[in-house]
Amino acid sequence: MTNKLFTPRFIFIATAIFVAAISRLFPHIPNFTPIAAMALFGAVYFENKATAILVPLVTMFLSDVALELTTGWGFHNTIAYVYASFVLTSLIGLWVKRNTTVQTIAMGSIASSVLFFIITNFGVWAACGFTGGISGLNLTYVMGIPYFAPTLLGDLFFNAFLFGTFYMVQRRYPALIRIKK
């Protein structure tokens, strides 16, 4: 009897997400990170929905622990909003999974960036005690605009890297291809 969970496909996908998470520990442009790509990629390629959400989520958490231990920047007062956007990005990935094409991956990546921007900037405003009411929220979004471009570019880059690499590796190693039921 073979273990259906730890297949070569599962190991490759999990390793790719882990390597992406490790990249967060290296110096980088602010917000140019693989966070959304980890969630989107895992949701599209893991077979089981719970695994598709939990493996990237646990990997994200472990990289946040490493960031906290090495830099003190792993956990902050808006981390719950980051994780909420991460889980919602996984749900976008489950949508992309139904028809995985370059276009749906790009749309999922862009949607993830916008979602992250909306949720985390709301989180910044909420963490500041809802200062300024609605005008304070608007100001928070305006002040977040310079961080959106690196977020969008990082999401597109890391999604292209993860999805493109997996596509090419599957062509070379057919054991990684999902058998459709």
Protein backbone atom coordinates (compact mmCIF):
# COMPACT_ATOMS: atom_id res chain seq x y z
CA MET A 1 0.00 0.00 0.00
CA THR A 2 1.43 3.38 -0.97
CA ASN A 3 1.06 6.62 0.91
CA LYS A 4 -1.27 8.76 -1.22
CA LEU A 5 -0.37 11.98 0.58
CA PHE A 6 3.39 12.07 0.19
CA THR A 7 3.57 11.53 -3.54
CA PRO A 8 6.35 13.04 -5.66
CA ARG A 9 3.81 15.67 -6.75
CA PHE A 10 2.92 16.61 -3.15
CA ILE A 11 6.59 16.77 -2.14
CA PHE A 12 7.49 18.99 -5.10
CA ILE A 13 4.59 21.41 -4.50
CA ALA A 14 5.27 21.60 -0.75
CA THR A 15 8.99 22.13 -1.36
CA ALA A 16 8.32 24.90 -3.89
CA ILE A 17 6.10 26.68 -1.36
CA PHE A 18 8.70 26.19 1.38
CA VAL A 19 11.48 27.62 -0.82
CA ALA A 20 9.26 30.59 -1.70
CA ALA A 21 8.65 31.16 2.02
CA ILE A 22 12.38 31.05 2.75
CA SER A 23 12.90 33.82 0.17
CA ARG A 24 11.03 36.13 2.57
CA LEU A 25 14.04 35.93 4.89
CA PHE A 26 16.37 37.55 2.37
CA PRO A 27 16.56 41.30 1.75
CA HIS A 28 13.93 42.40 -0.74
CA ILE A 29 11.93 45.39 -1.91
CA PRO A 30 9.14 46.05 0.61
CA ASN A 31 5.99 44.10 -0.33
CA PHE A 32 7.77 42.27 -3.19
CA THR A 33 7.15 38.87 -1.61
CA PRO A 34 5.81 35.41 -2.49
CA ILE A 35 2.96 35.51 0.05
CA ALA A 36 0.01 35.50 -2.37
CA ALA A 37 1.82 33.20 -4.80
CA MET A 38 2.28 30.59 -2.07
CA ALA A 39 -1.46 30.61 -1.33
CA LEU A 40 -2.55 30.65 -4.98
CA PHE A 41 -0.09 27.97 -6.12
CA GLY A 42 -0.89 25.63 -3.23
CA ALA A 43 -4.63 26.00 -3.73
CA VAL A 44 -4.37 25.22 -7.43
CA TYR A 45 -2.09 22.20 -7.24
CA PHE A 46 -2.73 20.35 -3.99
CA GLU A 47 -5.46 17.76 -4.49
CA ASN A 48 -7.25 18.07 -1.15
CA LYS A 49 -8.89 21.43 -0.30
CA ALA A 50 -7.78 21.33 3.34
CA THR A 51 -4.20 20.56 2.30
CA ALA A 52 -4.40 23.27 -0.36
CA ILE A 53 -5.08 25.85 2.33
CA LEU A 54 -3.23 24.42 5.33
CA VAL A 55 0.19 23.61 3.83
CA PRO A 56 0.78 27.15 2.49
CA LEU A 57 -0.72 28.62 5.68
CA VAL A 58 1.56 26.59 7.98
CA THR A 59 4.54 27.41 5.74
CA MET A 60 3.65 31.11 5.94
CA PHE A 61 3.41 30.88 9.72
CA LEU A 62 6.81 29.16 9.97
CA SER A 63 8.39 31.86 7.82
CA ASP A 64 6.79 34.50 10.07
CA VAL A 65 8.28 32.75 13.11
CA ALA A 66 11.69 32.80 11.40
CA LEU A 67 11.24 36.50 10.54
CA GLU A 68 10.28 37.26 14.13
CA LEU A 69 13.31 35.41 15.50
CA THR A 70 15.77 36.95 13.05
CA THR A 71 14.42 40.47 12.53
CA GLY A 72 11.58 41.07 14.97
CA TRP A 73 9.26 41.76 12.00
CA GLY A 74 7.38 38.45 11.78
CA PHE A 75 4.38 39.35 13.89
CA HIS A 76 2.74 42.77 14.10
CA ASN A 77 -0.58 44.32 14.99
CA THR A 78 -2.02 43.74 11.52
CA ILE A 79 -0.93 40.12 11.07
CA ALA A 80 -4.51 38.83 11.34
CA TYR A 81 -5.41 40.88 8.25
CA VAL A 82 -2.43 39.47 6.35
CA TYR A 83 -3.55 35.94 7.20
CA ALA A 84 -7.17 36.72 6.30
CA SER A 85 -6.05 37.89 2.85
CA PHE A 86 -3.83 34.80 2.59
CA VAL A 87 -6.76 32.45 3.22
CA LEU A 88 -8.98 34.39 0.80
CA THR A 89 -6.22 34.15 -1.81
CA SER A 90 -6.32 30.38 -1.32
CA LEU A 91 -10.04 30.52 -2.12
CA ILE A 92 -9.21 32.47 -5.29
CA GLY A 93 -6.77 29.66 -6.06
CA LEU A 94 -9.56 27.09 -5.75
CA TRP A 95 -11.44 29.11 -8.38
CA VAL A 96 -8.33 29.21 -10.65
CA LYS A 97 -7.98 25.43 -10.18
CA ARG A 98 -11.24 24.85 -12.10
CA ASN A 99 -9.64 26.25 -15.27
CA THR A 100 -5.92 26.78 -14.86
CA THR A 101 -4.63 28.89 -17.73
CA VAL A 102 -2.11 31.70 -17.96
CA GLN A 103 -5.05 34.11 -18.02
CA THR A 104 -6.79 32.73 -14.91
CA ILE A 105 -3.48 32.61 -13.03
CA ALA A 106 -2.80 36.25 -13.96
CA MET A 107 -6.36 37.24 -12.99
CA GLY A 108 -6.04 35.37 -9.70
CA SER A 109 -2.71 37.04 -9.04
CA ILE A 110 -4.08 40.52 -9.71
CA ALA A 111 -7.21 39.83 -7.65
CA SER A 112 -4.99 38.62 -4.79
CA SER A 113 -2.95 41.83 -4.91
CA VAL A 114 -6.06 44.00 -4.82
CA LEU A 115 -7.56 41.91 -2.03
CA PHE A 116 -4.35 42.16 0.01
CA PHE A 117 -4.26 45.94 -0.48
CA ILE A 118 -7.87 46.40 0.60
CA ILE A 119 -7.74 44.07 3.61
CA THR A 120 -4.33 45.01 5.01
CA ASN A 121 -4.81 48.75 4.64
CA PHE A 122 -8.14 48.42 6.41
CA GLY A 123 -6.18 46.52 9.07
CA VAL A 124 -3.72 49.38 9.45
CA TRP A 125 -6.59 51.80 9.94
CA ALA A 126 -8.30 49.47 12.41
CA ALA A 127 -5.04 48.94 14.34
CA CYS A 128 -4.76 52.72 14.69
CA GLY A 129 -8.12 52.77 16.47
CA PHE A 130 -10.18 53.77 13.41
CA THR A 131 -8.58 57.21 13.61
CA GLY A 132 -10.28 59.86 11.52
CA GLY A 133 -13.36 57.82 10.65
CA ILE A 134 -13.99 57.25 6.94
CA SER A 135 -11.63 60.07 5.93
CA GLY A 136 -8.92 58.35 8.00
CA LEU A 137 -9.63 55.09 6.15
CA ASN A 138 -9.40 56.92 2.83
CA LEU A 139 -6.09 58.45 3.90
CA THR A 140 -4.80 54.99 4.86
CA TYR A 141 -5.60 53.71 1.37
CA VAL A 142 -3.98 56.73 -0.27
CA MET A 143 -0.85 56.30 1.86
CA GLY A 144 -0.77 52.61 0.90
CA ILE A 145 -0.72 53.29 -2.85
CA PRO A 146 3.12 53.38 -3.12
CA TYR A 147 3.21 49.85 -1.69
CA PHE A 148 0.69 48.47 -4.17
CA ALA A 149 3.00 48.38 -7.20
CA PRO A 150 5.65 46.21 -5.48
CA THR A 151 2.86 43.96 -4.16
CA LEU A 152 1.37 43.53 -7.63
CA LEU A 153 4.75 43.01 -9.30
CA GLY A 154 5.87 40.57 -6.60
CA ASP A 155 2.66 38.57 -6.90
CA LEU A 156 2.94 38.42 -10.69
CA PHE A 157 6.66 37.52 -10.53
CA PHE A 158 6.36 34.79 -7.91
CA ASN A 159 3.23 33.33 -9.49
CA ALA A 160 4.97 33.24 -12.88
CA PHE A 161 7.98 31.61 -11.25
CA LEU A 162 6.06 28.97 -9.26
CA PHE A 163 3.50 28.10 -11.91
CA GLY A 164 6.01 28.29 -14.77
CA THR A 165 8.59 26.16 -12.99
CA PHE A 166 6.00 23.55 -12.08
CA TYR A 167 4.72 23.46 -15.66
CA MET A 168 8.23 22.90 -17.04
CA VAL A 169 9.17 20.32 -14.40
CA GLN A 170 5.94 18.36 -15.06
CA ARG A 171 6.88 18.15 -18.73
CA ARG A 172 10.24 16.63 -17.78
CA TYR A 173 8.91 14.41 -14.96
CA PRO A 174 5.45 13.03 -15.82
CA ALA A 175 5.13 11.52 -12.31
CA LEU A 176 4.29 15.07 -11.14
CA ILE A 177 1.28 15.34 -13.45
CA ARG A 178 -2.09 15.02 -11.72
CA ILE A 179 -4.06 12.01 -12.86
CA LYS A 180 -7.57 13.28 -13.63
CA LYS A 181 -10.29 11.10 -12.22
